[in-house]
Amino acid sequence: MFNKIFPLKKNNQNPLTILIVEPNPGRKAFLGRAIELRRPYHKIFAVNNLEQVFSLIYAEVRLDLIFFDIEFEKNTDNLTIIKAISPNIAWVHWSNYKHPEVIEFLSELGVKGFCLKDSQPRTIIELIDTIKSNPNTFYMDARLHECLHLLSAS
């Protein structure tokens, strides 16, 4: 007999494959755990730099979202090359940079999400959910909104 009191829950979630590009093991673990605890259905990978992303792309791992920090990248051309190879990947600049020039540069390269490394997990999850529902949405951590007026002035 089928129990109608407790209906079966369907997993209507559409899991994302999220890549964390971060050389610091503690920060990498924090971000991965923050996502895993709140959205356990997402797949999470982690690498130390953007050069290692090419191995995943060549292995045909579908990537939906990449968290990265431009501060640790020796070659910013890797970002442009990855975007050319896989244009549907959403990018989140996860950094402590609060410089409008960096945000402007990255937004011109197609980065749509900006979040500070000390952001609360709920902010990180809100960013992921926002980008998941609409990949073309520009999302910025509330503490970075002071940069918006400087961006629009340029």
N, C-alpha and C. Protein backbone atom coordinates (compact mmCIF):
# COMPACT_ATOMS: atom_id res chain seq x y z
N MET A 1 0.84 -1.18 0.00
CA MET A 1 0.00 0.00 0.00
C MET A 1 0.89 1.24 0.00
N PHE A 2 0.50 2.25 -0.74
CA PHE A 2 1.27 3.47 -0.88
C PHE A 2 0.90 4.44 0.23
N ASN A 3 1.88 5.01 0.88
CA ASN A 3 1.66 5.95 1.97
C ASN A 3 1.42 7.34 1.41
N LYS A 4 0.19 7.84 1.51
CA LYS A 4 -0.15 9.15 0.97
C LYS A 4 0.06 10.26 2.00
N ILE A 5 0.34 9.91 3.22
CA ILE A 5 0.55 10.93 4.24
C ILE A 5 1.88 11.64 4.01
N PHE A 6 2.89 10.90 3.65
CA PHE A 6 4.21 11.46 3.40
C PHE A 6 4.57 11.23 1.93
N PRO A 7 4.15 12.13 1.08
CA PRO A 7 4.44 11.93 -0.35
C PRO A 7 5.94 11.96 -0.61
N LEU A 8 6.32 11.24 -1.64
CA LEU A 8 7.73 11.23 -2.04
C LEU A 8 8.13 12.61 -2.54
N LYS A 9 9.26 13.06 -2.09
CA LYS A 9 9.77 14.35 -2.56
C LYS A 9 10.57 14.12 -3.83
N LYS A 10 10.28 14.91 -4.81
CA LYS A 10 11.06 14.87 -6.04
C LYS A 10 12.19 15.87 -5.93
N ASN A 11 13.33 15.49 -6.45
CA ASN A 11 14.44 16.44 -6.50
C ASN A 11 14.31 17.23 -7.78
N ASN A 12 13.63 18.37 -7.69
CA ASN A 12 13.42 19.21 -8.85
C ASN A 12 14.59 20.17 -9.07
N GLN A 13 15.65 19.98 -8.34
CA GLN A 13 16.80 20.85 -8.46
C GLN A 13 17.57 20.53 -9.73
N ASN A 14 18.05 21.54 -10.36
CA ASN A 14 18.91 21.38 -11.52
C ASN A 14 20.33 21.65 -11.04
N PRO A 15 21.10 20.59 -10.78
CA PRO A 15 22.42 20.80 -10.19
C PRO A 15 23.38 21.52 -11.14
N LEU A 16 24.19 22.36 -10.56
CA LEU A 16 25.24 23.05 -11.29
C LEU A 16 26.57 22.36 -11.02
N THR A 17 27.48 22.48 -11.94
CA THR A 17 28.85 22.07 -11.71
C THR A 17 29.64 23.35 -11.46
N ILE A 18 30.12 23.48 -10.24
CA ILE A 18 30.78 24.69 -9.79
C ILE A 18 32.27 24.41 -9.59
N LEU A 19 33.08 25.28 -10.13
CA LEU A 19 34.53 25.16 -9.97
C LEU A 19 35.04 26.32 -9.12
N ILE A 20 35.83 25.98 -8.13
CA ILE A 20 36.48 26.98 -7.27
C ILE A 20 37.95 27.02 -7.67
N VAL A 21 38.41 28.20 -8.09
CA VAL A 21 39.81 28.41 -8.44
C VAL A 21 40.41 29.24 -7.33
N GLU A 22 41.18 28.60 -6.48
CA GLU A 22 41.71 29.27 -5.28
C GLU A 22 42.95 28.54 -4.79
N PRO A 23 44.10 29.22 -4.69
CA PRO A 23 45.31 28.56 -4.22
C PRO A 23 45.35 28.34 -2.71
N ASN A 24 44.59 29.11 -1.95
CA ASN A 24 44.60 28.98 -0.49
C ASN A 24 43.67 27.84 -0.06
N PRO A 25 44.23 26.77 0.53
CA PRO A 25 43.40 25.61 0.89
C PRO A 25 42.28 25.94 1.89
N GLY A 26 42.52 26.86 2.81
CA GLY A 26 41.50 27.22 3.79
C GLY A 26 40.33 27.94 3.15
N ARG A 27 40.63 28.88 2.28
CA ARG A 27 39.57 29.62 1.59
C ARG A 27 38.79 28.71 0.65
N LYS A 28 39.54 27.83 -0.04
CA LYS A 28 38.91 26.88 -0.95
C LYS A 28 37.94 25.98 -0.19
N ALA A 29 38.38 25.49 0.96
CA ALA A 29 37.53 24.62 1.78
C ALA A 29 36.31 25.37 2.32
N PHE A 30 36.50 26.63 2.74
CA PHE A 30 35.38 27.43 3.25
C PHE A 30 34.30 27.58 2.18
N LEU A 31 34.70 27.99 0.98
CA LEU A 31 33.72 28.22 -0.08
C LEU A 31 33.04 26.91 -0.48
N GLY A 32 33.81 25.87 -0.64
CA GLY A 32 33.23 24.57 -1.00
C GLY A 32 32.24 24.08 0.03
N ARG A 33 32.60 24.22 1.28
CA ARG A 33 31.72 23.77 2.38
C ARG A 33 30.47 24.65 2.49
N ALA A 34 30.62 25.95 2.29
CA ALA A 34 29.46 26.86 2.35
C ALA A 34 28.43 26.48 1.28
N ILE A 35 28.90 26.13 0.11
CA ILE A 35 27.99 25.73 -0.97
C ILE A 35 27.41 24.35 -0.67
N GLU A 36 28.28 23.42 -0.30
CA GLU A 36 27.86 22.03 -0.07
C GLU A 36 26.79 21.91 1.02
N LEU A 37 26.93 22.69 2.09
CA LEU A 37 25.95 22.61 3.18
C LEU A 37 24.58 23.13 2.79
N ARG A 38 24.54 24.14 1.92
CA ARG A 38 23.28 24.79 1.58
C ARG A 38 22.69 24.31 0.26
N ARG A 39 23.51 23.82 -0.61
CA ARG A 39 23.07 23.31 -1.91
C ARG A 39 23.81 22.00 -2.20
N PRO A 40 23.48 20.93 -1.45
CA PRO A 40 24.25 19.69 -1.58
C PRO A 40 24.12 19.00 -2.93
N TYR A 41 23.18 19.40 -3.75
CA TYR A 41 22.99 18.76 -5.05
C TYR A 41 23.95 19.31 -6.12
N HIS A 42 24.64 20.42 -5.85
CA HIS A 42 25.61 20.93 -6.81
C HIS A 42 26.88 20.09 -6.74
N LYS A 43 27.55 19.93 -7.89
CA LYS A 43 28.86 19.28 -7.95
C LYS A 43 29.90 20.37 -7.79
N ILE A 44 30.89 20.12 -6.96
CA ILE A 44 31.91 21.13 -6.70
C ILE A 44 33.29 20.54 -6.99
N PHE A 45 34.05 21.25 -7.81
CA PHE A 45 35.44 20.92 -8.08
C PHE A 45 36.28 22.08 -7.59
N ALA A 46 37.56 21.82 -7.37
CA ALA A 46 38.46 22.88 -6.94
C ALA A 46 39.83 22.69 -7.58
N VAL A 47 40.41 23.80 -8.02
CA VAL A 47 41.76 23.81 -8.57
C VAL A 47 42.49 25.03 -8.01
N ASN A 48 43.80 25.09 -8.26
CA ASN A 48 44.60 26.18 -7.71
C ASN A 48 44.69 27.41 -8.61
N ASN A 49 44.55 27.23 -9.93
CA ASN A 49 44.66 28.39 -10.84
C ASN A 49 43.89 28.12 -12.12
N LEU A 50 43.72 29.19 -12.91
CA LEU A 50 42.93 29.07 -14.14
C LEU A 50 43.58 28.15 -15.17
N GLU A 51 44.90 28.01 -15.14
CA GLU A 51 45.55 27.10 -16.08
C GLU A 51 45.03 25.68 -15.92
N GLN A 52 44.69 25.29 -14.69
CA GLN A 52 44.20 23.94 -14.44
C GLN A 52 42.78 23.73 -14.96
N VAL A 53 42.08 24.80 -15.27
CA VAL A 53 40.72 24.68 -15.82
C VAL A 53 40.77 24.01 -17.19
N PHE A 54 41.82 24.24 -17.93
CA PHE A 54 41.92 23.65 -19.27
C PHE A 54 41.87 22.12 -19.21
N SER A 55 42.46 21.52 -18.18
CA SER A 55 42.42 20.06 -18.04
C SER A 55 40.97 19.58 -17.89
N LEU A 56 40.18 20.30 -17.11
CA LEU A 56 38.78 19.92 -16.94
C LEU A 56 37.99 20.09 -18.25
N ILE A 57 38.26 21.18 -18.94
CA ILE A 57 37.55 21.42 -20.21
C ILE A 57 37.91 20.34 -21.23
N TYR A 58 39.20 20.00 -21.32
CA TYR A 58 39.62 18.98 -22.27
C TYR A 58 39.11 17.60 -21.88
N ALA A 59 38.87 17.38 -20.60
CA ALA A 59 38.28 16.12 -20.13
C ALA A 59 36.76 16.13 -20.30
N GLU A 60 36.25 17.20 -20.89
CA GLU A 60 34.83 17.38 -21.18
C GLU A 60 33.96 17.41 -19.93
N VAL A 61 34.51 17.99 -18.86
CA VAL A 61 33.73 18.24 -17.66
C VAL A 61 32.91 19.50 -17.93
N ARG A 62 31.60 19.37 -17.82
CA ARG A 62 30.74 20.53 -18.05
C ARG A 62 30.82 21.45 -16.84
N LEU A 63 31.21 22.68 -17.05
CA LEU A 63 31.31 23.66 -15.98
C LEU A 63 30.22 24.70 -16.17
N ASP A 64 29.47 24.98 -15.10
CA ASP A 64 28.41 25.98 -15.17
C ASP A 64 28.83 27.30 -14.54
N LEU A 65 29.67 27.24 -13.51
CA LEU A 65 29.99 28.42 -12.73
C LEU A 65 31.42 28.30 -12.20
N ILE A 66 32.18 29.38 -12.34
CA ILE A 66 33.56 29.38 -11.84
C ILE A 66 33.73 30.55 -10.88
N PHE A 67 34.20 30.24 -9.66
CA PHE A 67 34.63 31.25 -8.69
C PHE A 67 36.13 31.40 -8.86
N PHE A 68 36.61 32.64 -9.00
CA PHE A 68 38.04 32.85 -9.17
C PHE A 68 38.42 34.20 -8.57
N ASP A 69 39.73 34.39 -8.40
CA ASP A 69 40.27 35.65 -7.90
C ASP A 69 41.38 36.08 -8.85
N ILE A 70 41.17 37.17 -9.55
CA ILE A 70 42.13 37.63 -10.55
C ILE A 70 43.49 37.96 -9.92
N GLU A 71 43.50 38.25 -8.62
CA GLU A 71 44.75 38.60 -7.93
C GLU A 71 45.79 37.49 -8.02
N PHE A 72 45.34 36.23 -8.05
CA PHE A 72 46.28 35.11 -8.03
C PHE A 72 46.63 34.59 -9.42
N GLU A 73 46.10 35.22 -10.45
CA GLU A 73 46.35 34.74 -11.81
C GLU A 73 47.53 35.47 -12.43
N LYS A 74 48.46 34.68 -12.93
CA LYS A 74 49.64 35.26 -13.58
C LYS A 74 49.29 35.75 -14.98
N ASN A 75 48.36 35.06 -15.62
CA ASN A 75 48.03 35.37 -17.00
C ASN A 75 46.51 35.57 -17.12
N THR A 76 46.08 36.81 -17.22
CA THR A 76 44.64 37.08 -17.32
C THR A 76 44.08 36.66 -18.67
N ASP A 77 44.96 36.37 -19.63
CA ASP A 77 44.48 35.88 -20.92
C ASP A 77 43.79 34.52 -20.78
N ASN A 78 44.13 33.76 -19.74
CA ASN A 78 43.48 32.46 -19.52
C ASN A 78 41.97 32.63 -19.38
N LEU A 79 41.55 33.69 -18.70
CA LEU A 79 40.13 33.97 -18.55
C LEU A 79 39.47 34.16 -19.92
N THR A 80 40.09 34.95 -20.76
CA THR A 80 39.56 35.22 -22.09
C THR A 80 39.52 33.94 -22.94
N ILE A 81 40.56 33.14 -22.85
CA ILE A 81 40.62 31.90 -23.63
C ILE A 81 39.54 30.92 -23.17
N ILE A 82 39.39 30.77 -21.86
CA ILE A 82 38.36 29.86 -21.33
C ILE A 82 36.98 30.34 -21.75
N LYS A 83 36.74 31.65 -21.68
CA LYS A 83 35.44 32.19 -22.10
C LYS A 83 35.20 31.93 -23.58
N ALA A 84 36.24 31.97 -24.40
CA ALA A 84 36.09 31.71 -25.83
C ALA A 84 35.77 30.23 -26.09
N ILE A 85 36.41 29.34 -25.34
CA ILE A 85 36.19 27.90 -25.51
C ILE A 85 34.82 27.50 -24.97
N SER A 86 34.46 28.03 -23.82
CA SER A 86 33.21 27.67 -23.14
C SER A 86 32.44 28.94 -22.77
N PRO A 87 31.77 29.55 -23.73
CA PRO A 87 31.13 30.84 -23.48
C PRO A 87 29.94 30.80 -22.51
N ASN A 88 29.41 29.62 -22.23
CA ASN A 88 28.23 29.53 -21.35
C ASN A 88 28.57 29.43 -19.87
N ILE A 89 29.84 29.40 -19.54
CA ILE A 89 30.22 29.35 -18.13
C ILE A 89 29.97 30.71 -17.50
N ALA A 90 29.32 30.72 -16.34
CA ALA A 90 29.14 31.95 -15.57
C ALA A 90 30.36 32.13 -14.67
N TRP A 91 30.78 33.38 -14.51
CA TRP A 91 31.99 33.68 -13.74
C TRP A 91 31.66 34.54 -12.54
N VAL A 92 32.28 34.21 -11.40
CA VAL A 92 32.14 35.01 -10.18
C VAL A 92 33.54 35.38 -9.72
N HIS A 93 33.77 36.69 -9.61
CA HIS A 93 35.04 37.16 -9.06
C HIS A 93 34.90 37.15 -7.55
N TRP A 94 35.58 36.22 -6.91
CA TRP A 94 35.53 36.01 -5.46
C TRP A 94 36.85 36.52 -4.90
N SER A 95 36.84 37.75 -4.41
CA SER A 95 38.10 38.42 -4.09
C SER A 95 37.88 39.45 -2.99
N ASN A 96 38.98 39.97 -2.48
CA ASN A 96 38.89 41.09 -1.54
C ASN A 96 39.14 42.42 -2.24
N TYR A 97 39.32 42.39 -3.56
CA TYR A 97 39.48 43.63 -4.31
C TYR A 97 38.19 44.43 -4.27
N LYS A 98 38.33 45.70 -3.94
CA LYS A 98 37.18 46.61 -3.95
C LYS A 98 37.43 47.75 -4.93
N HIS A 99 38.33 47.53 -5.85
CA HIS A 99 38.70 48.58 -6.80
C HIS A 99 37.75 48.59 -7.99
N PRO A 100 37.14 49.72 -8.27
CA PRO A 100 36.21 49.79 -9.40
C PRO A 100 36.87 49.46 -10.73
N GLU A 101 38.17 49.75 -10.86
CA GLU A 101 38.87 49.46 -12.11
C GLU A 101 38.90 47.97 -12.38
N VAL A 102 39.11 47.17 -11.33
CA VAL A 102 39.15 45.72 -11.48
C VAL A 102 37.76 45.20 -11.84
N ILE A 103 36.74 45.71 -11.16
CA ILE A 103 35.36 45.29 -11.44
C ILE A 103 34.98 45.68 -12.87
N GLU A 104 35.36 46.89 -13.27
CA GLU A 104 35.05 47.33 -14.64
C GLU A 104 35.76 46.46 -15.67
N PHE A 105 37.04 46.19 -15.46
CA PHE A 105 37.82 45.35 -16.37
C PHE A 105 37.18 43.97 -16.51
N LEU A 106 36.86 43.37 -15.38
CA LEU A 106 36.30 42.02 -15.41
C LEU A 106 34.89 42.00 -15.99
N SER A 107 34.09 43.02 -15.70
CA SER A 107 32.74 43.05 -16.28
C SER A 107 32.81 43.21 -17.80
N GLU A 108 33.81 43.93 -18.30
CA GLU A 108 34.01 44.04 -19.75
C GLU A 108 34.39 42.69 -20.36
N LEU A 109 35.03 41.83 -19.56
CA LEU A 109 35.37 40.49 -20.02
C LEU A 109 34.20 39.50 -19.88
N GLY A 110 33.10 39.97 -19.32
CA GLY A 110 31.92 39.12 -19.22
C GLY A 110 31.66 38.52 -17.86
N VAL A 111 32.42 38.92 -16.85
CA VAL A 111 32.18 38.44 -15.49
C VAL A 111 30.92 39.13 -14.98
N LYS A 112 29.97 38.33 -14.45
CA LYS A 112 28.68 38.87 -14.02
C LYS A 112 28.50 38.89 -12.51
N GLY A 113 29.32 38.16 -11.77
CA GLY A 113 29.17 38.08 -10.32
C GLY A 113 30.41 38.56 -9.59
N PHE A 114 30.17 39.32 -8.53
CA PHE A 114 31.27 39.85 -7.72
C PHE A 114 30.93 39.67 -6.26
N CYS A 115 31.84 38.99 -5.55
CA CYS A 115 31.58 38.65 -4.16
C CYS A 115 32.90 38.74 -3.39
N LEU A 116 32.83 39.22 -2.16
CA LEU A 116 34.03 39.31 -1.33
C LEU A 116 34.32 37.97 -0.66
N LYS A 117 35.59 37.72 -0.39
CA LYS A 117 35.96 36.44 0.22
C LYS A 117 35.42 36.27 1.63
N ASP A 118 35.13 37.37 2.30
CA ASP A 118 34.57 37.26 3.65
C ASP A 118 33.05 37.41 3.65
N SER A 119 32.44 37.23 2.48
CA SER A 119 30.97 37.30 2.40
C SER A 119 30.34 36.18 3.22
N GLN A 120 29.18 36.47 3.74
CA GLN A 120 28.42 35.46 4.47
C GLN A 120 27.98 34.37 3.50
N PRO A 121 27.88 33.13 3.97
CA PRO A 121 27.42 32.06 3.09
C PRO A 121 26.08 32.36 2.40
N ARG A 122 25.17 33.05 3.09
CA ARG A 122 23.87 33.35 2.45
C ARG A 122 24.06 34.26 1.23
N THR A 123 25.05 35.15 1.26
CA THR A 123 25.34 36.01 0.11
C THR A 123 25.87 35.17 -1.05
N ILE A 124 26.74 34.24 -0.75
CA ILE A 124 27.30 33.36 -1.78
C ILE A 124 26.20 32.52 -2.42
N ILE A 125 25.31 31.98 -1.61
CA ILE A 125 24.22 31.16 -2.12
C ILE A 125 23.24 32.02 -2.92
N GLU A 126 22.96 33.21 -2.45
CA GLU A 126 22.08 34.12 -3.20
C GLU A 126 22.68 34.42 -4.57
N LEU A 127 23.99 34.64 -4.62
CA LEU A 127 24.67 34.89 -5.87
C LEU A 127 24.53 33.68 -6.81
N ILE A 128 24.78 32.48 -6.30
CA ILE A 128 24.67 31.26 -7.12
C ILE A 128 23.24 31.09 -7.62
N ASP A 129 22.27 31.25 -6.74
CA ASP A 129 20.87 31.08 -7.14
C ASP A 129 20.45 32.13 -8.17
N THR A 130 20.93 33.35 -8.01
CA THR A 130 20.60 34.42 -8.96
C THR A 130 21.18 34.12 -10.33
N ILE A 131 22.44 33.75 -10.37
CA ILE A 131 23.09 33.44 -11.64
C ILE A 131 22.47 32.19 -12.26
N LYS A 132 22.10 31.22 -11.43
CA LYS A 132 21.49 29.99 -11.94
C LYS A 132 20.15 30.30 -12.62
N SER A 133 19.35 31.16 -12.01
CA SER A 133 18.04 31.46 -12.58
C SER A 133 18.13 32.39 -13.78
N ASN A 134 19.15 33.24 -13.82
CA ASN A 134 19.33 34.14 -14.95
C ASN A 134 20.81 34.42 -15.14
N PRO A 135 21.48 33.67 -16.00
CA PRO A 135 22.93 33.80 -16.16
C PRO A 135 23.40 35.18 -16.61
N ASN A 136 22.52 35.99 -17.16
CA ASN A 136 22.92 37.31 -17.63
C ASN A 136 22.76 38.40 -16.57
N THR A 137 22.32 38.02 -15.39
CA THR A 137 22.15 38.98 -14.30
C THR A 137 23.50 39.41 -13.76
N PHE A 138 23.65 40.70 -13.53
CA PHE A 138 24.84 41.24 -12.89
C PHE A 138 24.59 41.22 -11.38
N TYR A 139 25.43 40.51 -10.63
CA TYR A 139 25.25 40.41 -9.18
C TYR A 139 26.50 40.94 -8.50
N MET A 140 26.27 41.79 -7.51
CA MET A 140 27.40 42.35 -6.78
C MET A 140 27.10 42.30 -5.29
N ASP A 141 28.04 41.81 -4.50
CA ASP A 141 27.93 41.82 -3.05
C ASP A 141 27.57 43.24 -2.61
N ALA A 142 26.64 43.38 -1.68
CA ALA A 142 26.15 44.69 -1.24
C ALA A 142 27.28 45.61 -0.80
N ARG A 143 28.35 45.04 -0.26
CA ARG A 143 29.46 45.87 0.20
C ARG A 143 30.30 46.42 -0.95
N LEU A 144 30.03 45.97 -2.15
CA LEU A 144 30.74 46.50 -3.32
C LEU A 144 29.93 47.54 -4.07
N HIS A 145 28.70 47.78 -3.64
CA HIS A 145 27.84 48.72 -4.36
C HIS A 145 28.43 50.13 -4.40
N GLU A 146 29.35 50.44 -3.51
CA GLU A 146 30.00 51.75 -3.55
C GLU A 146 30.78 51.92 -4.85
N CYS A 147 31.11 50.82 -5.51
CA CYS A 147 31.84 50.89 -6.77
C CYS A 147 30.92 51.18 -7.96
N LEU A 148 29.63 50.97 -7.80
CA LEU A 148 28.72 51.11 -8.94
C LEU A 148 28.71 52.52 -9.52
N HIS A 149 28.65 53.53 -8.68
CA HIS A 149 28.61 54.89 -9.22
C HIS A 149 29.90 55.23 -9.95
N LEU A 150 31.00 54.68 -9.52
CA LEU A 150 32.27 54.93 -10.21
C LEU A 150 32.30 54.21 -11.56
N LEU A 151 31.68 53.03 -11.62
CA LEU A 151 31.62 52.29 -12.88
C LEU A 151 30.76 53.03 -13.90
N SER A 152 29.63 53.55 -13.47
CA SER A 152 28.73 54.23 -14.40
C SER A 152 29.30 55.57 -14.86
N ALA A 153 30.24 56.15 -14.10
CA ALA A 153 30.82 57.44 -14.47
C ALA A 153 31.86 57.27 -15.58
N SER A 154 32.39 56.07 -15.71
CA SER A 154 33.45 55.87 -16.72
C SER A 154 32.91 55.55 -18.07
